[in-house]
PDB file of N, CA and C in Angstrom:
ATOM      1  N   UNK A   1      39.043 -20.413 -12.661  1.00  0.00           N
ATOM      2  CA  UNK A   1      38.125 -20.662 -10.814  1.00  0.00           C
ATOM      3  C   UNK A   1      37.870 -19.352  -9.459  1.00  0.00           C
ATOM      4  N   UNK A   2      38.583 -18.583 -10.745  1.00  0.00           N
ATOM      5  CA  UNK A   2      37.919 -17.467  -9.507  1.00  0.00           C
ATOM      6  C   UNK A   2      36.039 -16.682 -10.267  1.00  0.00           C
ATOM      7  N   UNK A   3      35.741 -17.322 -10.983  1.00  0.00           N
ATOM      8  CA  UNK A   3      34.608 -16.831 -11.535  1.00  0.00           C
ATOM      9  C   UNK A   3      33.385 -17.865 -10.831  1.00  0.00           C
ATOM     10  N   UNK A   4      33.652 -19.496 -11.046  1.00  0.00           N
ATOM     11  CA  UNK A   4      33.236 -20.040 -10.071  1.00  0.00           C
ATOM     12  C   UNK A   4      33.017 -19.219  -9.354  1.00  0.00           C
ATOM     13  N   UNK A   5      34.251 -19.262  -8.262  1.00  0.00           N
ATOM     14  CA  UNK A   5      34.153 -18.791  -6.895  1.00  0.00           C
ATOM     15  C   UNK A   5      32.973 -17.244  -7.254  1.00  0.00           C
ATOM     16  N   UNK A   6      32.589 -16.465  -7.916  1.00  0.00           N
ATOM     17  CA  UNK A   6      32.371 -15.514  -7.752  1.00  0.00           C
ATOM     18  C   UNK A   6      31.159 -15.506  -8.330  1.00  0.00           C
ATOM     19  N   UNK A   7      30.189 -16.362  -9.115  1.00  0.00           N
ATOM     20  CA  UNK A   7      29.738 -17.004  -9.210  1.00  0.00           C
ATOM     21  C   UNK A   7      28.791 -17.979  -8.260  1.00  0.00           C
ATOM     22  N   UNK A   8      29.539 -18.288  -7.714  1.00  0.00           N
ATOM     23  CA  UNK A   8      28.881 -19.202  -6.849  1.00  0.00           C
ATOM     24  C   UNK A   8      28.616 -18.027  -5.656  1.00  0.00           C
ATOM     25  N   UNK A   9      29.027 -16.779  -5.626  1.00  0.00           N
ATOM     26  CA  UNK A   9      28.711 -16.092  -4.170  1.00  0.00           C
ATOM     27  C   UNK A   9      27.350 -14.957  -4.684  1.00  0.00           C
ATOM     28  N   UNK A  10      26.948 -15.008  -6.241  1.00  0.00           N
ATOM     29  CA  UNK A  10      26.018 -13.928  -6.418  1.00  0.00           C
ATOM     30  C   UNK A  10      25.103 -15.141  -6.546  1.00  0.00           C
ATOM     31  N   UNK A  11      25.408 -16.306  -6.926  1.00  0.00           N
ATOM     32  CA  UNK A  11      23.942 -17.045  -6.826  1.00  0.00           C
ATOM     33  C   UNK A  11      23.375 -17.258  -5.255  1.00  0.00           C
ATOM     34  N   UNK A  12      24.025 -17.037  -4.034  1.00  0.00           N
ATOM     35  CA  UNK A  12      24.303 -17.114  -2.682  1.00  0.00           C
ATOM     36  C   UNK A  12      23.401 -15.793  -2.886  1.00  0.00           C
ATOM     37  N   UNK A  13      23.579 -15.027  -2.957  1.00  0.00           N
ATOM     38  CA  UNK A  13      23.368 -13.280  -2.188  1.00  0.00           C
ATOM     39  C   UNK A  13      21.762 -13.353  -3.362  1.00  0.00           C
ATOM     40  N   UNK A  14      21.672 -13.551  -4.168  1.00  0.00           N
ATOM     41  CA  UNK A  14      20.696 -13.225  -4.886  1.00  0.00           C
ATOM     42  C   UNK A  14      19.442 -14.708  -3.947  1.00  0.00           C
ATOM     43  N   UNK A  15      20.082 -15.631  -4.154  1.00  0.00           N
ATOM     44  CA  UNK A  15      19.134 -16.274  -3.352  1.00  0.00           C
ATOM     45  C   UNK A  15      18.049 -15.902  -1.948  1.00  0.00           C
ATOM     46  N   UNK A  16      19.116 -15.954  -0.866  1.00  0.00           N
ATOM     47  CA  UNK A  16      18.749 -15.260  -0.059  1.00  0.00           C
ATOM     48  C   UNK A  16      18.153 -13.589   0.091  1.00  0.00           C
ATOM     49  N   UNK A  17      18.468 -12.714  -0.508  1.00  0.00           N
ATOM     50  CA  UNK A  17      17.707 -11.465  -1.070  1.00  0.00           C
ATOM     51  C   UNK A  17      16.253 -12.192  -1.326  1.00  0.00           C
ATOM     52  N   UNK A  18      16.678 -12.549  -2.977  1.00  0.00           N
ATOM     53  CA  UNK A  18      15.025 -13.146  -3.111  1.00  0.00           C
ATOM     54  C   UNK A  18      13.837 -14.240  -1.986  1.00  0.00           C
ATOM     55  N   UNK A  19      14.108 -14.641  -0.999  1.00  0.00           N
ATOM     56  CA  UNK A  19      14.071 -15.179  -0.367  1.00  0.00           C
ATOM     57  C   UNK A  19      13.620 -14.208   0.759  1.00  0.00           C
ATOM     58  N   UNK A  20      14.170 -13.711   1.439  1.00  0.00           N
ATOM     59  CA  UNK A  20      14.080 -12.131   2.055  1.00  0.00           C
ATOM     60  C   UNK A  20      12.821 -11.232   1.236  1.00  0.00           C
ATOM     61  N   UNK A  21      12.563 -10.692  -0.571  1.00  0.00           N
ATOM     62  CA  UNK A  21      12.295 -10.322  -0.907  1.00  0.00           C
ATOM     63  C   UNK A  21      10.097 -11.007  -0.444  1.00  0.00           C
ATOM     64  N   UNK A  22      10.322 -12.358  -0.688  1.00  0.00           N
ATOM     65  CA  UNK A  22       9.463 -12.741  -0.896  1.00  0.00           C
ATOM     66  C   UNK A  22       8.627 -13.240   0.740  1.00  0.00           C
ATOM     67  N   UNK A  23       9.647 -13.066   1.954  1.00  0.00           N
ATOM     68  CA  UNK A  23       9.214 -13.237   3.097  1.00  0.00           C
ATOM     69  C   UNK A  23       7.881 -11.796   3.311  1.00  0.00           C
ATOM     70  N   UNK A  24       8.406 -11.037   2.497  1.00  0.00           N
ATOM     71  CA  UNK A  24       8.144  -9.336   2.826  1.00  0.00           C
ATOM     72  C   UNK A  24       6.426  -9.521   2.521  1.00  0.00           C
ATOM     73  N   UNK A  25       5.595  -9.307   3.549  1.00  0.00           N
ATOM     74  CA  UNK A  25       4.039  -8.568   3.042  1.00  0.00           C
ATOM     75  C   UNK A  25       3.460  -7.430   3.078  1.00  0.00           C
ATOM     76  N   UNK A  26       3.174  -7.013   1.751  1.00  0.00           N
ATOM     77  CA  UNK A  26       2.834  -6.378   1.175  1.00  0.00           C
ATOM     78  C   UNK A  26       1.139  -4.904   1.734  1.00  0.00           C
ATOM     79  N   UNK A  27       1.338  -4.198   1.723  1.00  0.00           N
ATOM     80  CA  UNK A  27      -0.038  -2.936   2.354  1.00  0.00           C
ATOM     81  C   UNK A  27      -1.337  -3.364   1.883  1.00  0.00           C
ATOM     82  N   UNK A  28      -2.077  -3.241   2.831  1.00  0.00           N
ATOM     83  CA  UNK A  28      -3.395  -3.804   2.913  1.00  0.00           C
ATOM     84  C   UNK A  28      -3.951  -2.434   2.199  1.00  0.00           C
ATOM     85  N   UNK A  29      -3.806  -1.402   0.979  1.00  0.00           N
ATOM     86  CA  UNK A  29      -3.668  -0.018   1.052  1.00  0.00           C
ATOM     87  C   UNK A  29      -5.599   0.376   1.518  1.00  0.00           C
ATOM     88  N   UNK A  30      -6.385  -0.405   0.555  1.00  0.00           N
ATOM     89  CA  UNK A  30      -8.340  -0.384   0.704  1.00  0.00           C
ATOM     90  C   UNK A  30      -8.713   0.117   2.214  1.00  0.00           C
ATOM     91  N   UNK A  31      -7.870  -1.216   3.183  1.00  0.00           N
ATOM     92  CA  UNK A  31      -8.385  -0.469   4.908  1.00  0.00           C
ATOM     93  C   UNK A  31      -7.381   0.642   5.025  1.00  0.00           C
ATOM     94  N   UNK A  32      -6.356   0.925   4.625  1.00  0.00           N
ATOM     95  CA  UNK A  32      -5.514   1.752   5.195  1.00  0.00           C
ATOM     96  C   UNK A  32      -5.880   3.381   4.362  1.00  0.00           C
ATOM     97  N   UNK A  33      -6.841   3.177   3.309  1.00  0.00           N
ATOM     98  CA  UNK A  33      -7.188   4.387   3.023  1.00  0.00           C
ATOM     99  C   UNK A  33      -8.278   4.387   3.571  1.00  0.00           C
ATOM    100  N   UNK A  34      -9.721   3.294   3.647  1.00  0.00           N
ATOM    101  CA  UNK A  34     -10.684   3.463   4.730  1.00  0.00           C
ATOM    102  C   UNK A  34     -10.631   4.658   5.959  1.00  0.00           C
ATOM    103  N   UNK A  35      -9.430   3.674   6.748  1.00  0.00           N
ATOM    104  CA  UNK A  35      -9.364   4.447   8.468  1.00  0.00           C
ATOM    105  C   UNK A  35      -8.805   5.759   7.888  1.00  0.00           C
ATOM    106  N   UNK A  36      -7.625   5.984   7.037  1.00  0.00           N
ATOM    107  CA  UNK A  36      -7.131   7.637   7.334  1.00  0.00           C
ATOM    108  C   UNK A  36      -8.729   8.344   7.020  1.00  0.00           C
ATOM    109  N   UNK A  37      -9.899   7.942   5.630  1.00  0.00           N
ATOM    110  CA  UNK A  37     -10.499   8.809   5.043  1.00  0.00           C
ATOM    111  C   UNK A  37     -11.288   9.156   6.663  1.00  0.00           C
ATOM    112  N   UNK A  38     -11.320   8.254   7.801  1.00  0.00           N
ATOM    113  CA  UNK A  38     -12.871   8.289   8.566  1.00  0.00           C
ATOM    114  C   UNK A  38     -12.055   8.531   9.895  1.00  0.00           C
ATOM    115  N   UNK A  39     -10.835   8.608   9.800  1.00  0.00           N
ATOM    116  CA  UNK A  39     -10.219  10.196  11.006  1.00  0.00           C
ATOM    117  C   UNK A  39     -10.364  11.264  10.542  1.00  0.00           C
ATOM    118  N   UNK A  40      -9.988  11.736   9.363  1.00  0.00           N
ATOM    119  CA  UNK A  40     -10.236  12.725   9.037  1.00  0.00           C
ATOM    120  C   UNK A  40     -11.356  13.374   9.086  1.00  0.00           C
ATOM    121  N   UNK A  41     -12.244  12.627   7.799  1.00  0.00           N
ATOM    122  CA  UNK A  41     -13.766  13.565   7.700  1.00  0.00           C
ATOM    123  C   UNK A  41     -14.598  13.134   8.891  1.00  0.00           C
ATOM    124  N   UNK A  42     -14.758  11.959   9.480  1.00  0.00           N
ATOM    125  CA  UNK A  42     -15.779  11.464  10.267  1.00  0.00           C
ATOM    126  C   UNK A  42     -15.179  11.947  11.403  1.00  0.00           C
ATOM    127  N   UNK A  43     -13.899  12.216  11.658  1.00  0.00           N
ATOM    128  CA  UNK A  43     -13.501  12.273  13.288  1.00  0.00           C
ATOM    129  C   UNK A  43     -13.318  14.158  13.509  1.00  0.00           C
ATOM    130  N   UNK A  44     -12.473  14.057  12.113  1.00  0.00           N
ATOM    131  CA  UNK A  44     -12.068  15.678  12.280  1.00  0.00           C
ATOM    132  C   UNK A  44     -10.765  15.908  13.209  1.00  0.00           C
ATOM    133  N   UNK A  45     -10.151  14.680  12.970  1.00  0.00           N
ATOM    134  CA  UNK A  45      -8.851  14.571  12.969  1.00  0.00           C
ATOM    135  C   UNK A  45      -7.124  15.662  11.790  1.00  0.00           C
ATOM    136  N   UNK A  46      -6.562  16.573  12.347  1.00  0.00           N
ATOM    137  CA  UNK A  46      -5.766  17.002  11.507  1.00  0.00           C
ATOM    138  C   UNK A  46      -4.935  15.401  10.518  1.00  0.00           C
ATOM    139  N   UNK A  47      -4.556  16.150   9.609  1.00  0.00           N
ATOM    140  CA  UNK A  47      -3.484  15.522   8.517  1.00  0.00           C
ATOM    141  C   UNK A  47      -2.004  14.699  10.096  1.00  0.00           C
ATOM    142  N   UNK A  48      -1.334  15.955   9.858  1.00  0.00           N
ATOM    143  CA  UNK A  48      -0.301  15.557  11.015  1.00  0.00           C
ATOM    144  C   UNK A  48      -0.560  14.553  12.660  1.00  0.00           C
ATOM    145  N   UNK A  49      -1.296  14.393  12.810  1.00  0.00           N
ATOM    146  CA  UNK A  49      -2.162  13.684  14.278  1.00  0.00           C
ATOM    147  C   UNK A  49      -2.600  12.289  13.694  1.00  0.00           C
ATOM    148  N   UNK A  50      -3.082  12.433  12.772  1.00  0.00           N
ATOM    149  CA  UNK A  50      -3.174  11.240  11.959  1.00  0.00           C
ATOM    150  C   UNK A  50      -1.966  10.092  11.072  1.00  0.00           C
ATOM    151  N   UNK A  51      -0.884  10.668  10.494  1.00  0.00           N
ATOM    152  CA  UNK A  51       0.122  10.572  10.135  1.00  0.00           C
ATOM    153  C   UNK A  51       0.844   9.960  11.074  1.00  0.00           C
ATOM    154  N   UNK A  52       0.955  11.048  12.182  1.00  0.00           N
ATOM    155  CA  UNK A  52       1.815  10.245  13.877  1.00  0.00           C
ATOM    156  C   UNK A  52       1.660   9.007  14.251  1.00  0.00           C
ATOM    157  N   UNK A  53       0.084   8.560  14.365  1.00  0.00           N
ATOM    158  CA  UNK A  53      -0.326   7.888  15.254  1.00  0.00           C
ATOM    159  C   UNK A  53      -0.519   6.265  13.953  1.00  0.00           C
ATOM    160  N   UNK A  54      -0.675   6.905  12.550  1.00  0.00           N
ATOM    161  CA  UNK A  54      -0.805   4.918  12.243  1.00  0.00           C
ATOM    162  C   UNK A  54       0.731   5.052  10.965  1.00  0.00           C
ATOM    163  N   UNK A  55       1.075   5.847  10.707  1.00  0.00           N
ATOM    164  CA  UNK A  55       2.274   5.998   9.858  1.00  0.00           C
ATOM    165  C   UNK A  55       2.875   4.707  10.718  1.00  0.00           C
ATOM    166  N   UNK A  56       3.792   5.427  11.803  1.00  0.00           N
ATOM    167  CA  UNK A  56       4.481   4.295  12.254  1.00  0.00           C
ATOM    168  C   UNK A  56       3.582   2.702  12.757  1.00  0.00           C
ATOM    169  N   UNK A  57       2.884   2.653  13.036  1.00  0.00           N
ATOM    170  CA  UNK A  57       2.432   1.598  13.810  1.00  0.00           C
ATOM    171  C   UNK A  57       1.794   0.701  12.279  1.00  0.00           C
ATOM    172  N   UNK A  58       1.689   0.916  11.757  1.00  0.00           N
ATOM    173  CA  UNK A  58       1.298   0.139   9.802  1.00  0.00           C
ATOM    174  C   UNK A  58       2.519   0.528   8.814  1.00  0.00           C
ATOM    175  N   UNK A  59       3.311   0.957   9.335  1.00  0.00           N
ATOM    176  CA  UNK A  59       4.533   0.921   8.516  1.00  0.00           C
ATOM    177  C   UNK A  59       4.316   2.019   6.600  1.00  0.00           C
ATOM    178  N   UNK A  60       3.714   2.893   7.843  1.00  0.00           N
ATOM    179  CA  UNK A  60       3.421   3.321   5.874  1.00  0.00           C
ATOM    180  C   UNK A  60       4.145   4.944   5.657  1.00  0.00           C
ATOM    181  N   UNK A  61       4.757   4.427   4.033  1.00  0.00           N
ATOM    182  CA  UNK A  61       6.010   5.051   4.089  1.00  0.00           C
ATOM    183  C   UNK A  61       5.833   6.303   4.067  1.00  0.00           C
ATOM    184  N   UNK A  62       6.664   7.606   3.998  1.00  0.00           N
ATOM    185  CA  UNK A  62       5.651   8.669   4.052  1.00  0.00           C
ATOM    186  C   UNK A  62       6.050   9.385   2.721  1.00  0.00           C
ATOM    187  N   UNK A  63       6.504   8.934   1.459  1.00  0.00           N
ATOM    188  CA  UNK A  63       6.145   9.498  -0.344  1.00  0.00           C
ATOM    189  C   UNK A  63       4.782   8.834  -0.379  1.00  0.00           C
ATOM    190  N   UNK A  64       3.433   7.897   0.766  1.00  0.00           N
ATOM    191  CA  UNK A  64       2.403   7.327   0.248  1.00  0.00           C
ATOM    192  C   UNK A  64       1.355   8.677   0.564  1.00  0.00           C
ATOM    193  N   UNK A  65       1.644   9.539   1.617  1.00  0.00           N
ATOM    194  CA  UNK A  65       0.891  10.322   2.740  1.00  0.00           C
ATOM    195  C   UNK A  65      -0.270  11.603   1.973  1.00  0.00           C
ATOM    196  N   UNK A  66       0.663  11.454   0.825  1.00  0.00           N
ATOM    197  CA  UNK A  66      -0.061  12.685   0.167  1.00  0.00           C
ATOM    198  C   UNK A  66      -1.240  12.219  -0.802  1.00  0.00           C
ATOM    199  N   UNK A  67      -1.284  10.813  -1.049  1.00  0.00           N
ATOM    200  CA  UNK A  67      -2.063  10.046  -1.855  1.00  0.00           C
ATOM    201  C   UNK A  67      -3.190   9.079  -1.145  1.00  0.00           C
ATOM    202  N   UNK A  68      -2.947   9.290   0.436  1.00  0.00           N
ATOM    203  CA  UNK A  68      -3.582   8.966   1.301  1.00  0.00           C
ATOM    204  C   UNK A  68      -5.174   9.776   1.698  1.00  0.00           C
ATOM    205  N   UNK A  69      -4.271  11.212   2.042  1.00  0.00           N
ATOM    206  CA  UNK A  69      -5.263  12.278   2.398  1.00  0.00           C
ATOM    207  C   UNK A  69      -6.000  13.412   1.034  1.00  0.00           C
ATOM    208  N   UNK A  70      -5.311  12.258  -0.304  1.00  0.00           N
ATOM    209  CA  UNK A  70      -6.409  12.985  -1.389  1.00  0.00           C
ATOM    210  C   UNK A  70      -7.903  13.070  -1.491  1.00  0.00           C
ATOM    211  N   UNK A  71      -9.241  13.695  -1.135  1.00  0.00           N
ATOM    212  CA  UNK A  71      -9.904  13.100  -1.074  1.00  0.00           C
ATOM    213  C   UNK A  71     -10.339  12.919  -2.991  1.00  0.00           C
ATOM    214  N   UNK A  72     -11.743  11.328  -2.246  1.00  0.00           N
ATOM    215  CA  UNK A  72     -12.101  10.763  -3.258  1.00  0.00           C
ATOM    216  C   UNK A  72     -13.153  10.559  -3.726  1.00  0.00           C
ATOM    217  N   UNK A  73     -13.396  10.577  -4.615  1.00  0.00           N
ATOM    218  CA  UNK A  73     -15.087  10.961  -4.926  1.00  0.00           C
ATOM    219  C   UNK A  73     -15.426   9.266  -4.860  1.00  0.00           C
ATOM    220  N   UNK A  74     -16.654   9.325  -4.887  1.00  0.00           N
ATOM    221  CA  UNK A  74     -16.906   7.858  -4.393  1.00  0.00           C
ATOM    222  C   UNK A  74     -17.528   6.698  -5.634  1.00  0.00           C
ATOM    223  N   UNK A  75     -16.943   5.912  -6.366  1.00  0.00           N
ATOM    224  CA  UNK A  75     -17.172   5.072  -7.598  1.00  0.00           C
ATOM    225  C   UNK A  75     -19.212   5.464  -8.042  1.00  0.00           C
ATOM    226  N   UNK A  76     -18.960   5.607  -9.634  1.00  0.00           N
ATOM    227  CA  UNK A  76     -20.489   5.685  -9.674  1.00  0.00           C
ATOM    228  C   UNK A  76     -20.339   4.201  -9.969  1.00  0.00           C
ATOM    229  N   UNK A  77     -22.145   4.035  -9.508  1.00  0.00           N
ATOM    230  CA  UNK A  77     -22.474   2.667  -9.261  1.00  0.00           C
ATOM    231  C   UNK A  77     -23.255   3.026 -11.064  1.00  0.00           C
ATOM    232  N   UNK A  78     -23.612   1.815 -11.753  1.00  0.00           N
ATOM    233  CA  UNK A  78     -24.740   1.891 -12.561  1.00  0.00           C
ATOM    234  C   UNK A  78     -26.034   0.985 -12.112  1.00  0.00           C
ATOM    235  N   UNK A  79     -27.421   1.629 -12.153  1.00  0.00           N
ATOM    236  CA  UNK A  79     -28.429   0.967 -12.089  1.00  0.00           C
ATOM    237  C   UNK A  79     -28.602  -0.518 -12.632  1.00  0.00           C
ATOM    238  N   UNK A  80     -29.453  -1.234 -12.669  1.00  0.00           N
ATOM    239  CA  UNK A  80     -30.209  -3.060 -12.967  1.00  0.00           C
ATOM    240  C   UNK A  80     -30.407  -2.721 -14.423  1.00  0.00           C
ATOM    241  N   UNK A  81     -31.174  -1.497 -14.605  1.00  0.00           N
ATOM    242  CA  UNK A  81     -31.813  -1.096 -15.592  1.00  0.00           C
ATOM    243  C   UNK A  81     -31.051  -0.310 -16.890  1.00  0.00           C
ATOM    244  N   UNK A  82     -29.991   0.768 -16.807  1.00  0.00           N
ATOM    245  CA  UNK A  82     -28.379   0.461 -17.444  1.00  0.00           C
ATOM    246  C   UNK A  82     -27.925  -0.843 -17.362  1.00  0.00           C
ATOM    247  N   UNK A  83     -27.650  -1.396 -16.552  1.00  0.00           N
ATOM    248  CA  UNK A  83     -27.209  -3.176 -17.170  1.00  0.00           C
ATOM    249  C   UNK A  83     -27.781  -3.717 -18.483  1.00  0.00           C
ATOM    250  N   UNK A  84     -29.376  -3.338 -18.009  1.00  0.00           N
ATOM    251  CA  UNK A  84     -29.167  -4.596 -19.018  1.00  0.00           C
ATOM    252  C   UNK A  84     -29.813  -3.695 -20.704  1.00  0.00           C
ATOM    253  N   UNK A  85     -29.969  -2.606 -20.629  1.00  0.00           N
ATOM    254  CA  UNK A  85     -30.055  -1.815 -21.303  1.00  0.00           C
ATOM    255  C   UNK A  85     -29.004  -1.734 -22.717  1.00  0.00           C
ATOM    256  N   UNK A  86     -28.019  -2.419 -21.698  1.00  0.00           N
ATOM    257  CA  UNK A  86     -26.303  -1.819 -22.409  1.00  0.00           C
ATOM    258  C   UNK A  86     -26.358  -2.874 -23.047  1.00  0.00           C
ATOM    259  N   UNK A  87     -26.630  -4.494 -22.889  1.00  0.00           N
ATOM    260  CA  UNK A  87     -26.975  -6.005 -23.038  1.00  0.00           C
ATOM    261  C   UNK A  87     -26.968  -6.003 -24.080  1.00  0.00           C
TER     262      UNK A  87
END
């Protein structure tokens, strides 16, 4: 009898935790990367100001800021002739 009660409690708790997790939305990282890059490189704002303004507004966790401030190179695009010769 005790096992049935404990098992039922676990099932109910797992159900509620799963629903809460399922309703959570993920952060759209690409627009955030672009916004941070625009503010730091184009507008010349310092990292502390950008983190202070955007962090609470967008809910960005503290561990993600080092990646957000990392300088990235644009992706190399292949030309149309390179695509035709590769095929």
